[in-house]
Amino acid sequence: MRVISARDDRAAVSGRWWRYGGAAAAVASAALAGSMVVDADGSWYRTLRKPPWQPPPRTFGLVWTPLYASIAFACGHALGRARGRERAAIAARFGANLALNAGWSWLFFGCRSPRAGLAGTLLLDLSNAELIRSTARRDPTAARAMLPYAAWCAFATGLNASIARRNP
């Protein structure tokens, strides 16, 4: 039998803060990196032919804010359920996913290429599926928290494909 001390409690709380704080910092960094090139009010983007079902511009900020929060929660939660190599693998998968997330903005807006953006978002969709699948084995709660993000990215892929098709 082991006696749990106040020191053990402080260490557990501190570990949670580091996991969730680190995940939130990684997500915020990815969001910032991606936003650096987005210019939805710029002439290039405004002249693109878009489908009539594209949401209004303000929708994107309203949707991405809680999605980014859910990614940070899922990452912090999953990291708390894993140890050793498994924890490192989860962190690497989330990191790669965030890089793909930020990379889409650079491909679409930075390169001014809906086709490059489409390639990027297809890779992001694959990453989302793998991240959810691999996370679900250890932490179903974290995997479920990622589902709205994956659904929105799938919608964004359809939107990106429609824009690429309309703007050869």
N, C-alpha and C. Protein backbone atom coordinates (compact mmCIF):
# COMPACT_ATOMS: atom_id res chain seq x y z
N MET A 1 0.84 -1.18 0.00
CA MET A 1 0.00 0.00 0.00
C MET A 1 0.88 1.24 0.00
N ARG A 2 0.51 2.21 -0.81
CA ARG A 2 1.28 3.44 -0.94
C ARG A 2 0.45 4.60 -0.42
N VAL A 3 1.05 5.43 0.35
CA VAL A 3 0.38 6.61 0.87
C VAL A 3 0.57 7.75 -0.14
N ILE A 4 -0.52 8.39 -0.50
CA ILE A 4 -0.46 9.50 -1.45
C ILE A 4 -0.27 10.77 -0.65
N SER A 5 0.73 11.52 -1.02
CA SER A 5 1.03 12.74 -0.29
C SER A 5 0.56 13.97 -1.07
N ALA A 6 0.62 15.10 -0.39
CA ALA A 6 0.28 16.37 -1.04
C ALA A 6 1.25 16.65 -2.18
N ARG A 7 2.49 16.17 -2.01
CA ARG A 7 3.50 16.33 -3.06
C ARG A 7 3.09 15.59 -4.32
N ASP A 8 2.54 14.38 -4.18
CA ASP A 8 2.05 13.61 -5.32
C ASP A 8 0.92 14.36 -6.03
N ASP A 9 0.02 14.96 -5.23
CA ASP A 9 -1.09 15.72 -5.81
C ASP A 9 -0.57 16.92 -6.59
N ARG A 10 0.40 17.64 -6.04
CA ARG A 10 0.97 18.80 -6.73
C ARG A 10 1.64 18.38 -8.03
N ALA A 11 2.32 17.26 -8.02
CA ALA A 11 2.99 16.76 -9.22
C ALA A 11 1.96 16.39 -10.30
N ALA A 12 0.86 15.79 -9.88
CA ALA A 12 -0.19 15.42 -10.84
C ALA A 12 -0.81 16.66 -11.47
N VAL A 13 -1.10 17.66 -10.65
CA VAL A 13 -1.68 18.90 -11.16
C VAL A 13 -0.69 19.60 -12.08
N SER A 14 0.56 19.65 -11.67
CA SER A 14 1.59 20.28 -12.48
C SER A 14 1.73 19.57 -13.83
N GLY A 15 1.68 18.25 -13.82
CA GLY A 15 1.77 17.48 -15.06
C GLY A 15 0.62 17.79 -16.00
N ARG A 16 -0.57 17.92 -15.45
CA ARG A 16 -1.74 18.28 -16.26
C ARG A 16 -1.56 19.65 -16.91
N TRP A 17 -1.11 20.61 -16.11
CA TRP A 17 -0.91 21.95 -16.64
C TRP A 17 0.10 21.93 -17.79
N TRP A 18 1.19 21.18 -17.63
CA TRP A 18 2.19 21.11 -18.69
C TRP A 18 1.63 20.47 -19.95
N ARG A 19 0.87 19.38 -19.79
CA ARG A 19 0.30 18.69 -20.97
C ARG A 19 -0.67 19.58 -21.72
N TYR A 20 -1.65 20.11 -21.00
CA TYR A 20 -2.67 20.94 -21.64
C TYR A 20 -2.09 22.28 -22.10
N GLY A 21 -1.23 22.85 -21.30
CA GLY A 21 -0.59 24.11 -21.69
C GLY A 21 0.30 23.95 -22.92
N GLY A 22 1.06 22.86 -22.94
CA GLY A 22 1.91 22.59 -24.10
C GLY A 22 1.08 22.34 -25.35
N ALA A 23 -0.01 21.60 -25.19
CA ALA A 23 -0.89 21.33 -26.33
C ALA A 23 -1.52 22.64 -26.83
N ALA A 24 -1.98 23.46 -25.91
CA ALA A 24 -2.59 24.74 -26.30
C ALA A 24 -1.56 25.64 -26.99
N ALA A 25 -0.34 25.65 -26.50
CA ALA A 25 0.71 26.46 -27.13
C ALA A 25 1.02 25.96 -28.54
N ALA A 26 1.05 24.65 -28.72
CA ALA A 26 1.31 24.08 -30.05
C ALA A 26 0.17 24.43 -31.01
N VAL A 27 -1.05 24.31 -30.54
CA VAL A 27 -2.21 24.64 -31.38
C VAL A 27 -2.21 26.12 -31.72
N ALA A 28 -1.95 26.96 -30.75
CA ALA A 28 -1.92 28.41 -31.00
C ALA A 28 -0.81 28.77 -31.98
N SER A 29 0.32 28.10 -31.87
CA SER A 29 1.43 28.35 -32.80
C SER A 29 1.04 27.96 -34.22
N ALA A 30 0.38 26.82 -34.36
CA ALA A 30 -0.06 26.38 -35.69
C ALA A 30 -1.09 27.36 -36.26
N ALA A 31 -2.02 27.79 -35.42
CA ALA A 31 -3.04 28.74 -35.88
C ALA A 31 -2.38 30.05 -36.33
N LEU A 32 -1.43 30.52 -35.56
CA LEU A 32 -0.74 31.76 -35.90
C LEU A 32 0.06 31.59 -37.19
N ALA A 33 0.79 30.48 -37.30
CA ALA A 33 1.59 30.23 -38.51
C ALA A 33 0.71 30.18 -39.75
N GLY A 34 -0.43 29.54 -39.64
CA GLY A 34 -1.34 29.47 -40.78
C GLY A 34 -1.96 30.81 -41.11
N SER A 35 -2.29 31.56 -40.09
CA SER A 35 -3.00 32.84 -40.32
C SER A 35 -2.10 33.91 -40.93
N MET A 36 -0.81 33.71 -40.87
CA MET A 36 0.12 34.72 -41.38
C MET A 36 -0.06 35.02 -42.87
N VAL A 37 -0.56 34.06 -43.64
CA VAL A 37 -0.69 34.26 -45.08
C VAL A 37 -2.13 34.35 -45.55
N VAL A 38 -3.08 34.13 -44.66
CA VAL A 38 -4.49 34.17 -45.07
C VAL A 38 -4.89 35.62 -45.32
N ASP A 39 -5.42 35.83 -46.51
CA ASP A 39 -5.90 37.17 -46.87
C ASP A 39 -7.23 37.00 -47.61
N ALA A 40 -8.27 36.71 -46.84
CA ALA A 40 -9.59 36.48 -47.42
C ALA A 40 -10.19 37.75 -48.01
N ASP A 41 -9.63 38.90 -47.67
CA ASP A 41 -10.12 40.17 -48.23
C ASP A 41 -9.28 40.63 -49.42
N GLY A 42 -8.21 39.89 -49.72
CA GLY A 42 -7.32 40.28 -50.81
C GLY A 42 -7.95 40.07 -52.18
N SER A 43 -7.41 40.77 -53.15
CA SER A 43 -7.99 40.72 -54.50
C SER A 43 -7.90 39.32 -55.11
N TRP A 44 -6.80 38.59 -54.86
CA TRP A 44 -6.68 37.25 -55.44
C TRP A 44 -7.82 36.36 -54.97
N TYR A 45 -8.04 36.33 -53.68
CA TYR A 45 -9.08 35.44 -53.15
C TYR A 45 -10.48 35.90 -53.57
N ARG A 46 -10.71 37.19 -53.52
CA ARG A 46 -12.03 37.70 -53.89
C ARG A 46 -12.38 37.40 -55.33
N THR A 47 -11.38 37.33 -56.23
CA THR A 47 -11.67 37.07 -57.64
C THR A 47 -11.86 35.59 -57.95
N LEU A 48 -11.56 34.72 -57.01
CA LEU A 48 -11.79 33.29 -57.25
C LEU A 48 -13.29 33.02 -57.36
N ARG A 49 -13.64 32.11 -58.25
CA ARG A 49 -15.03 31.67 -58.33
C ARG A 49 -15.25 30.63 -57.23
N LYS A 50 -16.26 30.87 -56.40
CA LYS A 50 -16.54 30.01 -55.26
C LYS A 50 -17.94 29.44 -55.38
N PRO A 51 -18.18 28.29 -54.76
CA PRO A 51 -19.53 27.70 -54.83
C PRO A 51 -20.52 28.52 -54.00
N PRO A 52 -21.77 28.46 -54.35
CA PRO A 52 -22.77 29.23 -53.60
C PRO A 52 -22.95 28.75 -52.16
N TRP A 53 -22.51 27.55 -51.87
CA TRP A 53 -22.67 27.00 -50.52
C TRP A 53 -21.49 27.32 -49.60
N GLN A 54 -20.56 28.14 -50.07
CA GLN A 54 -19.45 28.54 -49.19
C GLN A 54 -20.01 29.40 -48.06
N PRO A 55 -19.64 29.10 -46.82
CA PRO A 55 -20.12 29.92 -45.70
C PRO A 55 -19.57 31.36 -45.79
N PRO A 56 -20.23 32.29 -45.14
CA PRO A 56 -19.70 33.67 -45.11
C PRO A 56 -18.35 33.70 -44.38
N PRO A 57 -17.49 34.64 -44.73
CA PRO A 57 -16.14 34.69 -44.17
C PRO A 57 -16.08 34.64 -42.64
N ARG A 58 -16.98 35.32 -41.95
CA ARG A 58 -16.93 35.35 -40.48
C ARG A 58 -17.14 33.97 -39.86
N THR A 59 -17.76 33.06 -40.60
CA THR A 59 -18.01 31.71 -40.10
C THR A 59 -16.72 30.99 -39.77
N PHE A 60 -15.70 31.21 -40.57
CA PHE A 60 -14.45 30.46 -40.39
C PHE A 60 -13.82 30.73 -39.03
N GLY A 61 -13.76 31.98 -38.61
CA GLY A 61 -13.22 32.30 -37.29
C GLY A 61 -14.08 31.73 -36.17
N LEU A 62 -15.39 31.79 -36.37
CA LEU A 62 -16.31 31.25 -35.35
C LEU A 62 -16.18 29.74 -35.22
N VAL A 63 -15.90 29.07 -36.31
CA VAL A 63 -15.77 27.61 -36.28
C VAL A 63 -14.39 27.19 -35.78
N TRP A 64 -13.34 27.85 -36.29
CA TRP A 64 -11.99 27.40 -35.95
C TRP A 64 -11.64 27.60 -34.47
N THR A 65 -12.17 28.60 -33.84
CA THR A 65 -11.82 28.84 -32.43
C THR A 65 -12.16 27.63 -31.55
N PRO A 66 -13.40 27.14 -31.54
CA PRO A 66 -13.66 25.95 -30.72
C PRO A 66 -12.99 24.69 -31.25
N LEU A 67 -12.77 24.61 -32.56
CA LEU A 67 -12.07 23.43 -33.09
C LEU A 67 -10.64 23.38 -32.58
N TYR A 68 -9.97 24.53 -32.58
CA TYR A 68 -8.60 24.56 -32.05
C TYR A 68 -8.60 24.21 -30.56
N ALA A 69 -9.59 24.67 -29.83
CA ALA A 69 -9.68 24.31 -28.41
C ALA A 69 -9.87 22.80 -28.24
N SER A 70 -10.68 22.20 -29.10
CA SER A 70 -10.91 20.75 -28.99
C SER A 70 -9.65 19.96 -29.34
N ILE A 71 -8.85 20.47 -30.29
CA ILE A 71 -7.59 19.80 -30.62
C ILE A 71 -6.65 19.85 -29.42
N ALA A 72 -6.54 21.03 -28.79
CA ALA A 72 -5.67 21.17 -27.62
C ALA A 72 -6.14 20.26 -26.49
N PHE A 73 -7.45 20.21 -26.26
CA PHE A 73 -7.98 19.31 -25.23
C PHE A 73 -7.64 17.86 -25.55
N ALA A 74 -7.90 17.45 -26.78
CA ALA A 74 -7.66 16.06 -27.18
C ALA A 74 -6.19 15.69 -27.03
N CYS A 75 -5.31 16.56 -27.45
CA CYS A 75 -3.88 16.28 -27.34
C CYS A 75 -3.46 16.17 -25.87
N GLY A 76 -3.84 17.14 -25.05
CA GLY A 76 -3.49 17.09 -23.64
C GLY A 76 -4.05 15.86 -22.95
N HIS A 77 -5.29 15.52 -23.27
CA HIS A 77 -5.94 14.36 -22.68
C HIS A 77 -5.23 13.07 -23.08
N ALA A 78 -4.94 12.94 -24.38
CA ALA A 78 -4.27 11.73 -24.88
C ALA A 78 -2.87 11.59 -24.29
N LEU A 79 -2.15 12.70 -24.18
CA LEU A 79 -0.81 12.65 -23.59
C LEU A 79 -0.86 12.20 -22.13
N GLY A 80 -1.93 12.55 -21.44
CA GLY A 80 -2.08 12.14 -20.04
C GLY A 80 -2.38 10.66 -19.88
N ARG A 81 -2.83 10.01 -20.92
CA ARG A 81 -3.18 8.59 -20.86
C ARG A 81 -2.05 7.69 -21.34
N ALA A 82 -1.02 8.26 -21.92
CA ALA A 82 0.06 7.47 -22.50
C ALA A 82 1.36 7.68 -21.73
N ARG A 83 2.27 6.78 -21.93
CA ARG A 83 3.59 6.86 -21.29
C ARG A 83 4.66 6.51 -22.32
N GLY A 84 5.87 6.97 -22.06
CA GLY A 84 7.05 6.57 -22.82
C GLY A 84 6.92 6.80 -24.32
N ARG A 85 7.27 5.73 -25.05
CA ARG A 85 7.26 5.81 -26.52
C ARG A 85 5.88 6.14 -27.07
N GLU A 86 4.87 5.60 -26.43
CA GLU A 86 3.50 5.86 -26.90
C GLU A 86 3.17 7.35 -26.77
N ARG A 87 3.60 7.97 -25.68
CA ARG A 87 3.37 9.40 -25.50
C ARG A 87 4.12 10.19 -26.56
N ALA A 88 5.34 9.81 -26.83
CA ALA A 88 6.12 10.50 -27.86
C ALA A 88 5.47 10.34 -29.23
N ALA A 89 4.93 9.17 -29.51
CA ALA A 89 4.26 8.93 -30.80
C ALA A 89 3.00 9.79 -30.93
N ILE A 90 2.26 9.90 -29.86
CA ILE A 90 1.05 10.73 -29.88
C ILE A 90 1.43 12.19 -30.11
N ALA A 91 2.43 12.65 -29.40
CA ALA A 91 2.88 14.04 -29.57
C ALA A 91 3.33 14.28 -31.01
N ALA A 92 4.05 13.33 -31.59
CA ALA A 92 4.52 13.46 -32.97
C ALA A 92 3.35 13.50 -33.95
N ARG A 93 2.35 12.66 -33.73
CA ARG A 93 1.18 12.64 -34.63
C ARG A 93 0.41 13.97 -34.56
N PHE A 94 0.22 14.47 -33.34
CA PHE A 94 -0.47 15.75 -33.21
C PHE A 94 0.37 16.86 -33.85
N GLY A 95 1.67 16.83 -33.64
CA GLY A 95 2.55 17.84 -34.23
C GLY A 95 2.50 17.82 -35.75
N ALA A 96 2.54 16.63 -36.34
CA ALA A 96 2.46 16.51 -37.79
C ALA A 96 1.11 17.03 -38.29
N ASN A 97 0.06 16.71 -37.56
CA ASN A 97 -1.27 17.16 -37.95
C ASN A 97 -1.36 18.68 -37.92
N LEU A 98 -0.81 19.29 -36.88
CA LEU A 98 -0.83 20.74 -36.79
C LEU A 98 0.01 21.38 -37.89
N ALA A 99 1.11 20.74 -38.26
CA ALA A 99 1.93 21.26 -39.37
C ALA A 99 1.14 21.21 -40.67
N LEU A 100 0.42 20.13 -40.90
CA LEU A 100 -0.42 20.04 -42.10
C LEU A 100 -1.55 21.07 -42.06
N ASN A 101 -2.10 21.28 -40.88
CA ASN A 101 -3.16 22.27 -40.71
C ASN A 101 -2.65 23.66 -41.11
N ALA A 102 -1.53 24.07 -40.55
CA ALA A 102 -0.95 25.38 -40.88
C ALA A 102 -0.49 25.40 -42.34
N GLY A 103 0.03 24.29 -42.81
CA GLY A 103 0.55 24.21 -44.17
C GLY A 103 -0.49 24.48 -45.23
N TRP A 104 -1.75 24.10 -44.95
CA TRP A 104 -2.79 24.34 -45.94
C TRP A 104 -2.87 25.83 -46.30
N SER A 105 -2.82 26.68 -45.32
CA SER A 105 -2.90 28.13 -45.58
C SER A 105 -1.77 28.59 -46.49
N TRP A 106 -0.60 28.04 -46.26
CA TRP A 106 0.55 28.43 -47.08
C TRP A 106 0.41 27.90 -48.51
N LEU A 107 -0.15 26.72 -48.65
CA LEU A 107 -0.34 26.16 -49.99
C LEU A 107 -1.43 26.91 -50.75
N PHE A 108 -2.56 27.14 -50.10
CA PHE A 108 -3.70 27.78 -50.75
C PHE A 108 -3.45 29.28 -50.93
N PHE A 109 -3.25 29.99 -49.83
CA PHE A 109 -3.10 31.44 -49.89
C PHE A 109 -1.67 31.87 -50.23
N GLY A 110 -0.70 31.26 -49.57
CA GLY A 110 0.70 31.65 -49.79
C GLY A 110 1.15 31.39 -51.22
N CYS A 111 0.81 30.23 -51.74
CA CYS A 111 1.15 29.90 -53.13
C CYS A 111 0.08 30.35 -54.12
N ARG A 112 -1.02 30.83 -53.58
CA ARG A 112 -2.17 31.23 -54.41
C ARG A 112 -2.55 30.10 -55.36
N SER A 113 -2.73 28.93 -54.76
CA SER A 113 -3.00 27.74 -55.56
C SER A 113 -4.07 26.87 -54.91
N PRO A 114 -5.31 26.95 -55.40
CA PRO A 114 -6.34 26.05 -54.88
C PRO A 114 -5.98 24.57 -55.07
N ARG A 115 -5.26 24.25 -56.14
CA ARG A 115 -4.86 22.85 -56.35
C ARG A 115 -3.84 22.38 -55.31
N ALA A 116 -2.87 23.22 -55.01
CA ALA A 116 -1.91 22.87 -53.95
C ALA A 116 -2.63 22.77 -52.61
N GLY A 117 -3.56 23.70 -52.37
CA GLY A 117 -4.36 23.64 -51.15
C GLY A 117 -5.14 22.34 -51.06
N LEU A 118 -5.68 21.90 -52.19
CA LEU A 118 -6.43 20.64 -52.20
C LEU A 118 -5.54 19.47 -51.83
N ALA A 119 -4.34 19.43 -52.37
CA ALA A 119 -3.40 18.37 -52.00
C ALA A 119 -3.12 18.42 -50.49
N GLY A 120 -2.93 19.62 -49.98
CA GLY A 120 -2.65 19.77 -48.54
C GLY A 120 -3.81 19.34 -47.68
N THR A 121 -5.02 19.68 -48.08
CA THR A 121 -6.17 19.32 -47.25
C THR A 121 -6.47 17.83 -47.33
N LEU A 122 -6.17 17.20 -48.47
CA LEU A 122 -6.33 15.74 -48.54
C LEU A 122 -5.35 15.05 -47.59
N LEU A 123 -4.12 15.55 -47.53
CA LEU A 123 -3.15 15.00 -46.57
C LEU A 123 -3.61 15.24 -45.14
N LEU A 124 -4.19 16.40 -44.87
CA LEU A 124 -4.71 16.70 -43.54
C LEU A 124 -5.84 15.74 -43.18
N ASP A 125 -6.72 15.45 -44.14
CA ASP A 125 -7.80 14.49 -43.88
C ASP A 125 -7.25 13.11 -43.52
N LEU A 126 -6.23 12.67 -44.25
CA LEU A 126 -5.60 11.38 -43.94
C LEU A 126 -4.96 11.41 -42.55
N SER A 127 -4.31 12.51 -42.23
CA SER A 127 -3.70 12.66 -40.91
C SER A 127 -4.76 12.64 -39.81
N ASN A 128 -5.89 13.31 -40.05
CA ASN A 128 -6.98 13.31 -39.07
C ASN A 128 -7.48 11.88 -38.83
N ALA A 129 -7.69 11.14 -39.90
CA ALA A 129 -8.19 9.76 -39.75
C ALA A 129 -7.20 8.91 -38.97
N GLU A 130 -5.92 9.03 -39.29
CA GLU A 130 -4.89 8.25 -38.58
C GLU A 130 -4.79 8.69 -37.12
N LEU A 131 -4.87 9.97 -36.88
CA LEU A 131 -4.78 10.49 -35.52
C LEU A 131 -5.95 9.99 -34.68
N ILE A 132 -7.14 10.04 -35.22
CA ILE A 132 -8.32 9.56 -34.49
C ILE A 132 -8.21 8.06 -34.26
N ARG A 133 -7.84 7.31 -35.30
CA ARG A 133 -7.73 5.85 -35.17
C ARG A 133 -6.69 5.46 -34.11
N SER A 134 -5.53 6.05 -34.19
CA SER A 134 -4.47 5.67 -33.25
C SER A 134 -4.75 6.16 -31.84
N THR A 135 -5.36 7.32 -31.70
CA THR A 135 -5.68 7.85 -30.38
C THR A 135 -6.81 7.07 -29.72
N ALA A 136 -7.76 6.59 -30.51
CA ALA A 136 -8.91 5.86 -29.97
C ALA A 136 -8.50 4.61 -29.22
N ARG A 137 -7.40 3.99 -29.63
CA ARG A 137 -6.94 2.78 -28.94
C ARG A 137 -6.63 3.03 -27.47
N ARG A 138 -6.03 4.17 -27.19
CA ARG A 138 -5.62 4.49 -25.82
C ARG A 138 -6.62 5.40 -25.12
N ASP A 139 -7.22 6.32 -25.88
CA ASP A 139 -8.04 7.35 -25.25
C ASP A 139 -9.26 7.69 -26.12
N PRO A 140 -10.35 6.93 -25.97
CA PRO A 140 -11.54 7.19 -26.78
C PRO A 140 -12.10 8.61 -26.60
N THR A 141 -11.96 9.18 -25.41
CA THR A 141 -12.46 10.54 -25.17
C THR A 141 -11.73 11.54 -26.07
N ALA A 142 -10.42 11.43 -26.13
CA ALA A 142 -9.63 12.33 -26.99
C ALA A 142 -9.99 12.12 -28.45
N ALA A 143 -10.18 10.89 -28.85
CA ALA A 143 -10.54 10.60 -30.25
C ALA A 143 -11.90 11.22 -30.59
N ARG A 144 -12.86 11.10 -29.70
CA ARG A 144 -14.18 11.69 -29.94
C ARG A 144 -14.09 13.22 -30.02
N ALA A 145 -13.22 13.81 -29.23
CA ALA A 145 -13.06 15.26 -29.25
C ALA A 145 -12.51 15.74 -30.59
N MET A 146 -11.85 14.87 -31.33
CA MET A 146 -11.29 15.23 -32.63
C MET A 146 -12.29 15.11 -33.78
N LEU A 147 -13.43 14.47 -33.55
CA LEU A 147 -14.38 14.23 -34.63
C LEU A 147 -14.92 15.51 -35.28
N PRO A 148 -15.31 16.54 -34.52
CA PRO A 148 -15.78 17.77 -35.19
C PRO A 148 -14.70 18.41 -36.06
N TYR A 149 -13.47 18.37 -35.60
CA TYR A 149 -12.34 18.90 -36.39
C TYR A 149 -12.20 18.13 -37.69
N ALA A 150 -12.25 16.82 -37.62
CA ALA A 150 -12.14 16.00 -38.83
C ALA A 150 -13.31 16.26 -39.77
N ALA A 151 -14.51 16.42 -39.22
CA ALA A 151 -15.68 16.70 -40.05
C ALA A 151 -15.55 18.05 -40.74
N TRP A 152 -15.11 19.07 -40.01
CA TRP A 152 -14.95 20.39 -40.62
C TRP A 152 -13.87 20.34 -41.71
N CYS A 153 -12.78 19.63 -41.45
CA CYS A 153 -11.72 19.52 -42.46
C CYS A 153 -12.23 18.81 -43.71
N ALA A 154 -13.08 17.80 -43.52
CA ALA A 154 -13.66 17.11 -44.68
C ALA A 154 -14.55 18.08 -45.47
N PHE A 155 -15.33 18.88 -44.77
CA PHE A 155 -16.13 19.92 -45.44
C PHE A 155 -15.21 20.89 -46.19
N ALA A 156 -14.13 21.31 -45.54
CA ALA A 156 -13.19 22.24 -46.16
C ALA A 156 -12.53 21.61 -47.39
N THR A 157 -12.32 20.32 -47.36
CA THR A 157 -11.76 19.63 -48.53
C THR A 157 -12.73 19.72 -49.70
N GLY A 158 -14.02 19.49 -49.43
CA GLY A 158 -15.02 19.63 -50.48
C GLY A 158 -15.08 21.04 -51.03
N LEU A 159 -15.01 22.01 -50.14
CA LEU A 159 -15.03 23.41 -50.56
C LEU A 159 -13.80 23.73 -51.40
N ASN A 160 -12.63 23.30 -50.92
CA ASN A 160 -11.38 23.53 -51.64
C ASN A 160 -11.43 22.86 -53.02
N ALA A 161 -11.96 21.64 -53.09
CA ALA A 161 -12.07 20.93 -54.38
C ALA A 161 -12.98 21.70 -55.33
N SER A 162 -14.08 22.23 -54.82
CA SER A 162 -14.99 23.00 -55.65
C SER A 162 -14.32 24.28 -56.18
N ILE A 163 -13.57 24.93 -55.34
CA ILE A 163 -12.86 26.15 -55.76
C ILE A 163 -11.79 25.79 -56.80
N ALA A 164 -11.06 24.71 -56.59
CA ALA A 164 -10.03 24.29 -57.54
C ALA A 164 -10.66 23.94 -58.89
N ARG A 165 -11.79 23.30 -58.88
CA ARG A 165 -12.48 22.91 -60.12
C ARG A 165 -12.99 24.14 -60.86
N ARG A 166 -13.44 25.15 -60.14
CA ARG A 166 -13.99 26.36 -60.76
C ARG A 166 -12.91 27.33 -61.23
N ASN A 167 -11.68 27.13 -60.77
CA ASN A 167 -10.58 28.05 -61.06
C ASN A 167 -9.37 27.26 -61.56
N PRO A 168 -9.43 26.73 -62.79
CA PRO A 168 -8.33 25.88 -63.28
C PRO A 168 -7.02 26.63 -63.44
